[in-house]
Amino acid sequence: LVQAGGSLRLSCAASRSIFSDNDMGWYRQAPGKQRELVAVIS
C-alpha cells in the first residue's frame, strides 16, 4: 500500500523452464477488468 506519487519495486522469481531464452512480462488485473500486459522484456 502506497500513496499516490510513491514507488514500489516488484520482484518475480521464475523457474528456469519459464525464464530461459524467453520474453518475460508484467501484467496487472484490477477488479472488474481484464488482465493487461503492462511491460515486457526480451
PDB file of all heavy atoms in Angstrom:
ATOM      1  N   LEU A   1       0.845  -1.184   0.000  1.00  0.00           N
ATOM      2  CA  LEU A   1       0.000   0.000   0.000  1.00  0.00           C
ATOM      3  C   LEU A   1       0.883   1.238   0.000  1.00  0.00           C
ATOM      4  O   LEU A   1       1.730   1.403   0.887  1.00  0.00           O
ATOM      5  CB  LEU A   1      -0.908  -0.002   1.230  1.00  0.00           C
ATOM      6  CG  LEU A   1      -1.766   1.236   1.469  1.00  0.00           C
ATOM      7  CD1 LEU A   1      -2.753   1.429   0.323  1.00  0.00           C
ATOM      8  CD2 LEU A   1      -2.491   1.112   2.795  1.00  0.00           C
ATOM      9  N   VAL A   2       0.702   2.093  -0.991  1.00  0.00           N
ATOM     10  CA  VAL A   2       1.484   3.321  -1.091  1.00  0.00           C
ATOM     11  C   VAL A   2       0.574   4.484  -1.441  1.00  0.00           C
ATOM     12  O   VAL A   2      -0.513   4.307  -1.990  1.00  0.00           O
ATOM     13  CB  VAL A   2       2.605   3.220  -2.145  1.00  0.00           C
ATOM     14  CG1 VAL A   2       3.608   2.137  -1.769  1.00  0.00           C
ATOM     15  CG2 VAL A   2       2.034   2.955  -3.533  1.00  0.00           C
ATOM     16  N   GLN A   3       1.031   5.679  -1.135  1.00  0.00           N
ATOM     17  CA  GLN A   3       0.317   6.884  -1.525  1.00  0.00           C
ATOM     18  C   GLN A   3       0.631   7.243  -2.971  1.00  0.00           C
ATOM     19  O   GLN A   3       1.684   6.894  -3.506  1.00  0.00           O
ATOM     20  CB  GLN A   3       0.703   8.048  -0.623  1.00  0.00           C
ATOM     21  CG  GLN A   3       0.226   7.916   0.805  1.00  0.00           C
ATOM     22  CD  GLN A   3       0.567   9.128   1.634  1.00  0.00           C
ATOM     23  OE1 GLN A   3       1.689   9.623   1.596  1.00  0.00           O
ATOM     24  NE2 GLN A   3      -0.408   9.623   2.379  1.00  0.00           N
ATOM     25  N   ALA A   4      -0.299   7.938  -3.606  1.00  0.00           N
ATOM     26  CA  ALA A   4      -0.058   8.432  -4.952  1.00  0.00           C
ATOM     27  C   ALA A   4       1.248   9.216  -5.002  1.00  0.00           C
ATOM     28  O   ALA A   4       1.553  10.010  -4.110  1.00  0.00           O
ATOM     29  CB  ALA A   4      -1.218   9.306  -5.410  1.00  0.00           C
ATOM     30  N   GLY A   5       2.015   8.964  -6.052  1.00  0.00           N
ATOM     31  CA  GLY A   5       3.317   9.581  -6.196  1.00  0.00           C
ATOM     32  C   GLY A   5       4.461   8.757  -5.650  1.00  0.00           C
ATOM     33  O   GLY A   5       5.626   9.073  -5.912  1.00  0.00           O
ATOM     34  N   GLY A   6       4.140   7.706  -4.925  1.00  0.00           N
ATOM     35  CA  GLY A   6       5.157   6.858  -4.346  1.00  0.00           C
ATOM     36  C   GLY A   6       5.691   5.824  -5.315  1.00  0.00           C
ATOM     37  O   GLY A   6       5.314   5.777  -6.487  1.00  0.00           O
ATOM     38  N   SER A   7       6.576   4.966  -4.806  1.00  0.00           N
ATOM     39  CA  SER A   7       7.254   3.970  -5.619  1.00  0.00           C
ATOM     40  C   SER A   7       7.206   2.601  -4.972  1.00  0.00           C
ATOM     41  O   SER A   7       7.150   2.476  -3.744  1.00  0.00           O
ATOM     42  CB  SER A   7       8.726   4.355  -5.828  1.00  0.00           C
ATOM     43  OG  SER A   7       8.858   5.571  -6.531  1.00  0.00           O
ATOM     44  N   LEU A   8       7.248   1.575  -5.806  1.00  0.00           N
ATOM     45  CA  LEU A   8       7.397   0.197  -5.379  1.00  0.00           C
ATOM     46  C   LEU A   8       8.275  -0.526  -6.382  1.00  0.00           C
ATOM     47  O   LEU A   8       8.295  -0.176  -7.564  1.00  0.00           O
ATOM     48  CB  LEU A   8       6.052  -0.528  -5.299  1.00  0.00           C
ATOM     49  CG  LEU A   8       5.118  -0.212  -4.137  1.00  0.00           C
ATOM     50  CD1 LEU A   8       3.763  -0.870  -4.380  1.00  0.00           C
ATOM     51  CD2 LEU A   8       5.704  -0.686  -2.815  1.00  0.00           C
ATOM     52  N   ARG A   9       8.958  -1.547  -5.915  1.00  0.00           N
ATOM     53  CA  ARG A   9       9.743  -2.411  -6.790  1.00  0.00           C
ATOM     54  C   ARG A   9       9.238  -3.836  -6.625  1.00  0.00           C
ATOM     55  O   ARG A   9       9.337  -4.406  -5.537  1.00  0.00           O
ATOM     56  CB  ARG A   9      11.229  -2.336  -6.468  1.00  0.00           C
ATOM     57  CG  ARG A   9      12.126  -3.140  -7.422  1.00  0.00           C
ATOM     58  CD  ARG A   9      13.598  -2.885  -7.125  1.00  0.00           C
ATOM     59  NE  ARG A   9      14.497  -3.514  -8.071  1.00  0.00           N
ATOM     60  CZ  ARG A   9      15.152  -4.655  -7.845  1.00  0.00           C
ATOM     61  NH1 ARG A   9      14.996  -5.302  -6.698  1.00  0.00           N
ATOM     62  NH2 ARG A   9      15.971  -5.141  -8.773  1.00  0.00           N
ATOM     63  N   LEU A  10       8.712  -4.402  -7.691  1.00  0.00           N
ATOM     64  CA  LEU A  10       8.201  -5.757  -7.681  1.00  0.00           C
ATOM     65  C   LEU A  10       9.269  -6.724  -8.176  1.00  0.00           C
ATOM     66  O   LEU A  10      10.060  -6.394  -9.062  1.00  0.00           O
ATOM     67  CB  LEU A  10       6.969  -5.887  -8.573  1.00  0.00           C
ATOM     68  CG  LEU A  10       5.824  -4.906  -8.318  1.00  0.00           C
ATOM     69  CD1 LEU A  10       4.648  -5.235  -9.231  1.00  0.00           C
ATOM     70  CD2 LEU A  10       5.406  -4.907  -6.857  1.00  0.00           C
ATOM     71  N   SER A  11       9.265  -7.911  -7.602  1.00  0.00           N
ATOM     72  CA  SER A  11      10.200  -8.953  -7.999  1.00  0.00           C
ATOM     73  C   SER A  11       9.441 -10.199  -8.400  1.00  0.00           C
ATOM     74  O   SER A  11       8.368 -10.492  -7.866  1.00  0.00           O
ATOM     75  CB  SER A  11      11.153  -9.297  -6.852  1.00  0.00           C
ATOM     76  OG  SER A  11      11.944  -8.189  -6.488  1.00  0.00           O
ATOM     77  N   CYS A  12       9.996 -10.946  -9.322  1.00  0.00           N
ATOM     78  CA  CYS A  12       9.422 -12.199  -9.786  1.00  0.00           C
ATOM     79  C   CYS A  12      10.523 -13.231  -9.883  1.00  0.00           C
ATOM     80  O   CYS A  12      11.514 -13.014 -10.597  1.00  0.00           O
ATOM     81  CB  CYS A  12       8.755 -12.000 -11.145  1.00  0.00           C
ATOM     82  SG  CYS A  12       8.226 -13.525 -11.962  1.00  0.00           S
ATOM     83  N   ALA A  13      10.352 -14.323  -9.173  1.00  0.00           N
ATOM     84  CA  ALA A  13      11.249 -15.459  -9.279  1.00  0.00           C
ATOM     85  C   ALA A  13      10.590 -16.500 -10.168  1.00  0.00           C
ATOM     86  O   ALA A  13       9.477 -16.941  -9.885  1.00  0.00           O
ATOM     87  CB  ALA A  13      11.545 -16.036  -7.900  1.00  0.00           C
ATOM     88  N   ALA A  14      11.255 -16.869 -11.227  1.00  0.00           N
ATOM     89  CA  ALA A  14      10.700 -17.780 -12.217  1.00  0.00           C
ATOM     90  C   ALA A  14      11.499 -19.070 -12.276  1.00  0.00           C
ATOM     91  O   ALA A  14      12.700 -19.091 -11.997  1.00  0.00           O
ATOM     92  CB  ALA A  14      10.680 -17.128 -13.593  1.00  0.00           C
ATOM     93  N   SER A  15      10.826 -20.140 -12.651  1.00  0.00           N
ATOM     94  CA  SER A  15      11.544 -21.375 -12.912  1.00  0.00           C
ATOM     95  C   SER A  15      12.381 -21.225 -14.171  1.00  0.00           C
ATOM     96  O   SER A  15      12.067 -20.422 -15.057  1.00  0.00           O
ATOM     97  CB  SER A  15      10.582 -22.550 -13.048  1.00  0.00           C
ATOM     98  OG  SER A  15       9.799 -22.425 -14.226  1.00  0.00           O
ATOM     99  N   ARG A  16      13.435 -21.984 -14.252  1.00  0.00           N
ATOM    100  CA  ARG A  16      14.325 -21.891 -15.396  1.00  0.00           C
ATOM    101  C   ARG A  16      13.602 -22.195 -16.705  1.00  0.00           C
ATOM    102  O   ARG A  16      13.874 -21.566 -17.729  1.00  0.00           O
ATOM    103  CB  ARG A  16      15.517 -22.822 -15.205  1.00  0.00           C
ATOM    104  CG  ARG A  16      16.582 -22.720 -16.283  1.00  0.00           C
ATOM    105  CD  ARG A  16      17.782 -23.579 -15.946  1.00  0.00           C
ATOM    106  NE  ARG A  16      18.803 -23.510 -16.978  1.00  0.00           N
ATOM    107  CZ  ARG A  16      18.846 -24.287 -18.047  1.00  0.00           C
ATOM    108  NH1 ARG A  16      17.903 -25.209 -18.227  1.00  0.00           N
ATOM    109  NH2 ARG A  16      19.811 -24.145 -18.930  1.00  0.00           N
ATOM    110  N   SER A  17      12.676 -23.140 -16.685  1.00  0.00           N
ATOM    111  CA  SER A  17      11.975 -23.513 -17.909  1.00  0.00           C
ATOM    112  C   SER A  17      11.125 -22.369 -18.451  1.00  0.00           C
ATOM    113  O   SER A  17      10.943 -22.259 -19.663  1.00  0.00           O
ATOM    114  CB  SER A  17      11.122 -24.755 -17.672  1.00  0.00           C
ATOM    115  OG  SER A  17      10.113 -24.513 -16.710  1.00  0.00           O
ATOM    116  N   ILE A  18      10.598 -21.535 -17.580  1.00  0.00           N
ATOM    117  CA  ILE A  18       9.803 -20.384 -18.000  1.00  0.00           C
ATOM    118  C   ILE A  18      10.699 -19.250 -18.474  1.00  0.00           C
ATOM    119  O   ILE A  18      10.410 -18.582 -19.465  1.00  0.00           O
ATOM    120  CB  ILE A  18       8.902 -19.898 -16.852  1.00  0.00           C
ATOM    121  CG1 ILE A  18       7.837 -20.948 -16.528  1.00  0.00           C
ATOM    122  CG2 ILE A  18       8.250 -18.556 -17.186  1.00  0.00           C
ATOM    123  CD1 ILE A  18       7.011 -20.619 -15.299  1.00  0.00           C
ATOM    124  N   PHE A  19      11.797 -19.033 -17.757  1.00  0.00           N
ATOM    125  CA  PHE A  19      12.602 -17.838 -17.930  1.00  0.00           C
ATOM    126  C   PHE A  19      13.590 -17.922 -19.090  1.00  0.00           C
ATOM    127  O   PHE A  19      13.725 -16.962 -19.854  1.00  0.00           O
ATOM    128  CB  PHE A  19      13.364 -17.564 -16.630  1.00  0.00           C
ATOM    129  CG  PHE A  19      14.016 -16.222 -16.577  1.00  0.00           C
ATOM    130  CD1 PHE A  19      13.350 -15.134 -16.062  1.00  0.00           C
ATOM    131  CD2 PHE A  19      15.308 -16.056 -17.043  1.00  0.00           C
ATOM    132  CE1 PHE A  19      13.950 -13.893 -16.006  1.00  0.00           C
ATOM    133  CE2 PHE A  19      15.923 -14.816 -16.998  1.00  0.00           C
ATOM    134  CZ  PHE A  19      15.245 -13.737 -16.481  1.00  0.00           C
ATOM    135  N   SER A  20      14.279 -19.025 -19.205  1.00  0.00           N
ATOM    136  CA  SER A  20      15.431 -19.108 -20.098  1.00  0.00           C
ATOM    137  C   SER A  20      15.061 -18.835 -21.549  1.00  0.00           C
ATOM    138  O   SER A  20      14.153 -19.463 -22.102  1.00  0.00           O
ATOM    139  CB  SER A  20      16.084 -20.478 -19.983  1.00  0.00           C
ATOM    140  OG  SER A  20      16.605 -20.682 -18.687  1.00  0.00           O
ATOM    141  N   ASP A  21      15.775 -17.890 -22.150  1.00  0.00           N
ATOM    142  CA  ASP A  21      15.649 -17.554 -23.567  1.00  0.00           C
ATOM    143  C   ASP A  21      14.261 -17.062 -23.968  1.00  0.00           C
ATOM    144  O   ASP A  21      13.915 -17.082 -25.148  1.00  0.00           O
ATOM    145  CB  ASP A  21      16.043 -18.740 -24.443  1.00  0.00           C
ATOM    146  CG  ASP A  21      17.465 -19.194 -24.210  1.00  0.00           C
ATOM    147  OD1 ASP A  21      18.350 -18.329 -24.051  1.00  0.00           O
ATOM    148  OD2 ASP A  21      17.697 -20.419 -24.185  1.00  0.00           O
ATOM    149  N   ASN A  22      13.476 -16.622 -23.003  1.00  0.00           N
ATOM    150  CA  ASN A  22      12.107 -16.184 -23.268  1.00  0.00           C
ATOM    151  C   ASN A  22      11.902 -14.718 -22.927  1.00  0.00           C
ATOM    152  O   ASN A  22      12.563 -14.169 -22.053  1.00  0.00           O
ATOM    153  CB  ASN A  22      11.108 -17.007 -22.457  1.00  0.00           C
ATOM    154  CG  ASN A  22      11.006 -18.438 -22.921  1.00  0.00           C
ATOM    155  OD1 ASN A  22      11.018 -18.710 -24.123  1.00  0.00           O
ATOM    156  ND2 ASN A  22      10.893 -19.362 -21.984  1.00  0.00           N
ATOM    157  N   ASP A  23      10.932 -14.117 -23.610  1.00  0.00           N
ATOM    158  CA  ASP A  23      10.393 -12.842 -23.144  1.00  0.00           C
ATOM    159  C   ASP A  23       9.749 -13.051 -21.776  1.00  0.00           C
ATOM    160  O   ASP A  23       9.230 -14.127 -21.477  1.00  0.00           O
ATOM    161  CB  ASP A  23       9.316 -12.326 -24.089  1.00  0.00           C
ATOM    162  CG  ASP A  23       9.831 -11.918 -25.447  1.00  0.00           C
ATOM    163  OD1 ASP A  23      11.058 -11.931 -25.670  1.00  0.00           O
ATOM    164  OD2 ASP A  23       8.990 -11.567 -26.303  1.00  0.00           O
ATOM    165  N   MET A  24       9.763 -12.015 -20.955  1.00  0.00           N
ATOM    166  CA  MET A  24       9.025 -12.029 -19.699  1.00  0.00           C
ATOM    167  C   MET A  24       8.229 -10.740 -19.583  1.00  0.00           C
ATOM    168  O   MET A  24       8.700  -9.678 -19.995  1.00  0.00           O
ATOM    169  CB  MET A  24       9.952 -12.176 -18.499  1.00  0.00           C
ATOM    170  CG  MET A  24      10.588 -13.551 -18.370  1.00  0.00           C
ATOM    171  SD  MET A  24       9.368 -14.872 -18.036  1.00  0.00           S
ATOM    172  CE  MET A  24       8.812 -14.424 -16.387  1.00  0.00           C
ATOM    173  N   GLY A  25       7.039 -10.853 -19.043  1.00  0.00           N
ATOM    174  CA  GLY A  25       6.174  -9.697 -18.916  1.00  0.00           C
ATOM    175  C   GLY A  25       5.629  -9.519 -17.521  1.00  0.00           C
ATOM    176  O   GLY A  25       5.554 -10.468 -16.739  1.00  0.00           O
ATOM    177  N   TRP A  26       5.268  -8.284 -17.225  1.00  0.00           N
ATOM    178  CA  TRP A  26       4.473  -7.962 -16.054  1.00  0.00           C
ATOM    179  C   TRP A  26       3.068  -7.610 -16.521  1.00  0.00           C
ATOM    180  O   TRP A  26       2.895  -6.822 -17.457  1.00  0.00           O
ATOM    181  CB  TRP A  26       5.067  -6.799 -15.256  1.00  0.00           C
ATOM    182  CG  TRP A  26       6.207  -7.206 -14.376  1.00  0.00           C
ATOM    183  CD1 TRP A  26       7.529  -7.080 -14.635  1.00  0.00           C
ATOM    184  CD2 TRP A  26       6.106  -7.790 -13.070  1.00  0.00           C
ATOM    185  NE1 TRP A  26       8.276  -7.556 -13.585  1.00  0.00           N
ATOM    186  CE2 TRP A  26       7.429  -7.996 -12.607  1.00  0.00           C
ATOM    187  CE3 TRP A  26       5.038  -8.157 -12.254  1.00  0.00           C
ATOM    188  CZ2 TRP A  26       7.711  -8.560 -11.361  1.00  0.00           C
ATOM    189  CZ3 TRP A  26       5.318  -8.718 -11.016  1.00  0.00           C
ATOM    190  CH2 TRP A  26       6.638  -8.914 -10.584  1.00  0.00           C
ATOM    191  N   TYR A  27       2.093  -8.192 -15.855  1.00  0.00           N
ATOM    192  CA  TYR A  27       0.685  -7.976 -16.124  1.00  0.00           C
ATOM    193  C   TYR A  27       0.013  -7.428 -14.882  1.00  0.00           C
ATOM    194  O   TYR A  27       0.535  -7.555 -13.776  1.00  0.00           O
ATOM    195  CB  TYR A  27      -0.009  -9.289 -16.487  1.00  0.00           C
ATOM    196  CG  TYR A  27       0.550 -10.040 -17.668  1.00  0.00           C
ATOM    197  CD1 TYR A  27       1.769 -10.696 -17.600  1.00  0.00           C
ATOM    198  CD2 TYR A  27      -0.173 -10.125 -18.859  1.00  0.00           C
ATOM    199  CE1 TYR A  27       2.269 -11.410 -18.682  1.00  0.00           C
ATOM    200  CE2 TYR A  27       0.313 -10.840 -19.939  1.00  0.00           C
ATOM    201  CZ  TYR A  27       1.528 -11.479 -19.846  1.00  0.00           C
ATOM    202  OH  TYR A  27       2.010 -12.190 -20.922  1.00  0.00           O
ATOM    203  N   ARG A  28      -1.157  -6.854 -15.058  1.00  0.00           N
ATOM    204  CA  ARG A  28      -1.949  -6.459 -13.899  1.00  0.00           C
ATOM    205  C   ARG A  28      -3.423  -6.700 -14.178  1.00  0.00           C
ATOM    206  O   ARG A  28      -3.869  -6.686 -15.325  1.00  0.00           O
ATOM    207  CB  ARG A  28      -1.705  -5.002 -13.508  1.00  0.00           C
ATOM    208  CG  ARG A  28      -2.191  -3.982 -14.514  1.00  0.00           C
ATOM    209  CD  ARG A  28      -1.744  -2.589 -14.082  1.00  0.00           C
ATOM    210  NE  ARG A  28      -2.211  -1.564 -15.008  1.00  0.00           N
ATOM    211  CZ  ARG A  28      -1.826  -0.302 -14.970  1.00  0.00           C
ATOM    212  NH1 ARG A  28      -0.955   0.105 -14.041  1.00  0.00           N
ATOM    213  NH2 ARG A  28      -2.309   0.572 -15.857  1.00  0.00           N
ATOM    214  N   GLN A  29      -4.161  -6.910 -13.107  1.00  0.00           N
ATOM    215  CA  GLN A  29      -5.598  -7.085 -13.201  1.00  0.00           C
ATOM    216  C   GLN A  29      -6.269  -6.335 -12.053  1.00  0.00           C
ATOM    217  O   GLN A  29      -6.040  -6.638 -10.885  1.00  0.00           O
ATOM    218  CB  GLN A  29      -5.988  -8.554 -13.162  1.00  0.00           C
ATOM    219  CG  GLN A  29      -7.463  -8.786 -13.439  1.00  0.00           C
ATOM    220  CD  GLN A  29      -7.785 -10.235 -13.716  1.00  0.00           C
ATOM    221  OE1 GLN A  29      -7.091 -11.141 -13.266  1.00  0.00           O
ATOM    222  NE2 GLN A  29      -8.845 -10.467 -14.479  1.00  0.00           N
ATOM    223  N   ALA A  30      -7.077  -5.361 -12.419  1.00  0.00           N
ATOM    224  CA  ALA A  30      -7.849  -4.609 -11.454  1.00  0.00           C
ATOM    225  C   ALA A  30      -9.233  -5.231 -11.330  1.00  0.00           C
ATOM    226  O   ALA A  30      -9.703  -5.903 -12.253  1.00  0.00           O
ATOM    227  CB  ALA A  30      -7.967  -3.151 -11.889  1.00  0.00           C
ATOM    228  N   PRO A  31      -9.919  -5.013 -10.207  1.00  0.00           N
ATOM    229  CA  PRO A  31     -11.262  -5.579 -10.040  1.00  0.00           C
ATOM    230  C   PRO A  31     -12.195  -5.180 -11.176  1.00  0.00           C
ATOM    231  O   PRO A  31     -12.274  -4.010 -11.551  1.00  0.00           O
ATOM    232  CB  PRO A  31     -11.732  -4.992  -8.709  1.00  0.00           C
ATOM    233  CG  PRO A  31     -10.470  -4.733  -7.954  1.00  0.00           C
ATOM    234  CD  PRO A  31      -9.478  -4.295  -8.998  1.00  0.00           C
ATOM    235  N   GLY A  32     -12.883  -6.171 -11.736  1.00  0.00           N
ATOM    236  CA  GLY A  32     -13.832  -5.916 -12.799  1.00  0.00           C
ATOM    237  C   GLY A  32     -13.224  -5.688 -14.167  1.00  0.00           C
ATOM    238  O   GLY A  32     -13.956  -5.398 -15.117  1.00  0.00           O
ATOM    239  N   LYS A  33     -11.920  -5.807 -14.285  1.00  0.00           N
ATOM    240  CA  LYS A  33     -11.251  -5.582 -15.557  1.00  0.00           C
ATOM    241  C   LYS A  33     -10.459  -6.804 -15.985  1.00  0.00           C
ATOM    242  O   LYS A  33     -10.109  -7.657 -15.173  1.00  0.00           O
ATOM    243  CB  LYS A  33     -10.315  -4.372 -15.467  1.00  0.00           C
ATOM    244  CG  LYS A  33     -11.031  -3.051 -15.270  1.00  0.00           C
ATOM    245  CD  LYS A  33     -10.076  -1.891 -15.443  1.00  0.00           C
ATOM    246  CE  LYS A  33     -10.812  -0.568 -15.401  1.00  0.00           C
ATOM    247  NZ  LYS A  33      -9.889   0.569 -15.638  1.00  0.00           N
ATOM    248  N   GLN A  34     -10.195  -6.882 -17.276  1.00  0.00           N
ATOM    249  CA  GLN A  34      -9.362  -7.951 -17.809  1.00  0.00           C
ATOM    250  C   GLN A  34      -7.899  -7.718 -17.452  1.00  0.00           C
ATOM    251  O   GLN A  34      -7.458  -6.587 -17.258  1.00  0.00           O
ATOM    252  CB  GLN A  34      -9.501  -8.039 -19.324  1.00  0.00           C
ATOM    253  CG  GLN A  34     -10.839  -8.552 -19.809  1.00  0.00           C
ATOM    254  CD  GLN A  34     -10.845  -8.747 -21.302  1.00  0.00           C
ATOM    255  OE1 GLN A  34     -10.766  -7.790 -22.062  1.00  0.00           O
ATOM    256  NE2 GLN A  34     -10.919 -10.004 -21.728  1.00  0.00           N
ATOM    257  N   ARG A  35      -7.167  -8.806 -17.388  1.00  0.00           N
ATOM    258  CA  ARG A  35      -5.739  -8.707 -17.189  1.00  0.00           C
ATOM    259  C   ARG A  35      -5.097  -8.040 -18.402  1.00  0.00           C
ATOM    260  O   ARG A  35      -5.462  -8.321 -19.551  1.00  0.00           O
ATOM    261  CB  ARG A  35      -5.165 -10.112 -16.965  1.00  0.00           C
ATOM    262  CG  ARG A  35      -3.692 -10.154 -16.652  1.00  0.00           C
ATOM    263  CD  ARG A  35      -3.321 -11.440 -15.913  1.00  0.00           C
ATOM    264  NE  ARG A  35      -4.009 -12.598 -16.440  1.00  0.00           N
ATOM    265  CZ  ARG A  35      -4.477 -13.584 -15.699  1.00  0.00           C
ATOM    266  NH1 ARG A  35      -4.335 -13.565 -14.377  1.00  0.00           N
ATOM    267  NH2 ARG A  35      -5.098 -14.603 -16.267  1.00  0.00           N
ATOM    268  N   GLU A  36      -4.148  -7.145 -18.154  1.00  0.00           N
ATOM    269  CA  GLU A  36      -3.469  -6.459 -19.232  1.00  0.00           C
ATOM    270  C   GLU A  36      -1.959  -6.542 -19.064  1.00  0.00           C
ATOM    271  O   GLU A  36      -1.444  -6.542 -17.946  1.00  0.00           O
ATOM    272  CB  GLU A  36      -3.907  -4.990 -19.323  1.00  0.00           C
ATOM    273  CG  GLU A  36      -3.610  -4.161 -18.093  1.00  0.00           C
ATOM    274  CD  GLU A  36      -4.121  -2.726 -18.206  1.00  0.00           C
ATOM    275  OE1 GLU A  36      -4.543  -2.312 -19.302  1.00  0.00           O
ATOM    276  OE2 GLU A  36      -4.092  -2.018 -17.181  1.00  0.00           O
ATOM    277  N   LEU A  37      -1.282  -6.608 -20.175  1.00  0.00           N
ATOM    278  CA  LEU A  37       0.175  -6.612 -20.177  1.00  0.00           C
ATOM    279  C   LEU A  37       0.660  -5.176 -20.046  1.00  0.00           C
ATOM    280  O   LEU A  37       0.301  -4.319 -20.858  1.00  0.00           O
ATOM    281  CB  LEU A  37       0.692  -7.239 -21.473  1.00  0.00           C
ATOM    282  CG  LEU A  37       2.201  -7.326 -21.675  1.00  0.00           C
ATOM    283  CD1 LEU A  37       2.840  -8.235 -20.640  1.00  0.00           C
ATOM    284  CD2 LEU A  37       2.510  -7.815 -23.082  1.00  0.00           C
ATOM    285  N   VAL A  38       1.483  -4.910 -19.044  1.00  0.00           N
ATOM    286  CA  VAL A  38       1.943  -3.545 -18.815  1.00  0.00           C
ATOM    287  C   VAL A  38       3.389  -3.319 -19.231  1.00  0.00           C
ATOM    288  O   VAL A  38       3.771  -2.187 -19.528  1.00  0.00           O
ATOM    289  CB  VAL A  38       1.737  -3.107 -17.349  1.00  0.00           C
ATOM    290  CG1 VAL A  38       0.261  -3.178 -16.984  1.00  0.00           C
ATOM    291  CG2 VAL A  38       2.559  -3.944 -16.379  1.00  0.00           C
ATOM    292  N   ALA A  39       4.189  -4.364 -19.253  1.00  0.00           N
ATOM    293  CA  ALA A  39       5.593  -4.238 -19.634  1.00  0.00           C
ATOM    294  C   ALA A  39       6.116  -5.585 -20.069  1.00  0.00           C
ATOM    295  O   ALA A  39       5.716  -6.613 -19.533  1.00  0.00           O
ATOM    296  CB  ALA A  39       6.438  -3.698 -18.476  1.00  0.00           C
ATOM    297  N   VAL A  40       7.016  -5.588 -21.029  1.00  0.00           N
ATOM    298  CA  VAL A  40       7.628  -6.825 -21.493  1.00  0.00           C
ATOM    299  C   VAL A  40       9.108  -6.581 -21.752  1.00  0.00           C
ATOM    300  O   VAL A  40       9.504  -5.486 -22.171  1.00  0.00           O
ATOM    301  CB  VAL A  40       6.912  -7.371 -22.756  1.00  0.00           C
ATOM    302  CG1 VAL A  40       7.038  -6.403 -23.928  1.00  0.00           C
ATOM    303  CG2 VAL A  40       7.416  -8.755 -23.125  1.00  0.00           C
ATOM    304  N   ILE A  41       9.906  -7.588 -21.482  1.00  0.00           N
ATOM    305  CA  ILE A  41      11.338  -7.518 -21.738  1.00  0.00           C
ATOM    306  C   ILE A  41      11.770  -8.789 -22.450  1.00  0.00           C
ATOM    307  O   ILE A  41      11.388  -9.897 -22.067  1.00  0.00           O
ATOM    308  CB  ILE A  41      12.128  -7.287 -20.426  1.00  0.00           C
ATOM    309  CG1 ILE A  41      13.623  -7.095 -20.716  1.00  0.00           C
ATOM    310  CG2 ILE A  41      11.885  -8.401 -19.418  1.00  0.00           C
ATOM    311  CD1 ILE A  41      14.396  -6.539 -19.523  1.00  0.00           C
ATOM    312  N   SER A  42      12.544  -8.636 -23.498  1.00  0.00           N
ATOM    313  CA  SER A  42      13.038  -9.783 -24.246  1.00  0.00           C
ATOM    314  C   SER A  42      14.219 -10.412 -23.531  1.00  0.00           C
ATOM    315  O   SER A  42      14.786  -9.846 -22.593  1.00  0.00           O
ATOM    316  CB  SER A  42      13.442  -9.362 -25.654  1.00  0.00           C
ATOM    317  OG  SER A  42      14.664  -8.647 -25.629  1.00  0.00           O
TER     318      SER A  42
END
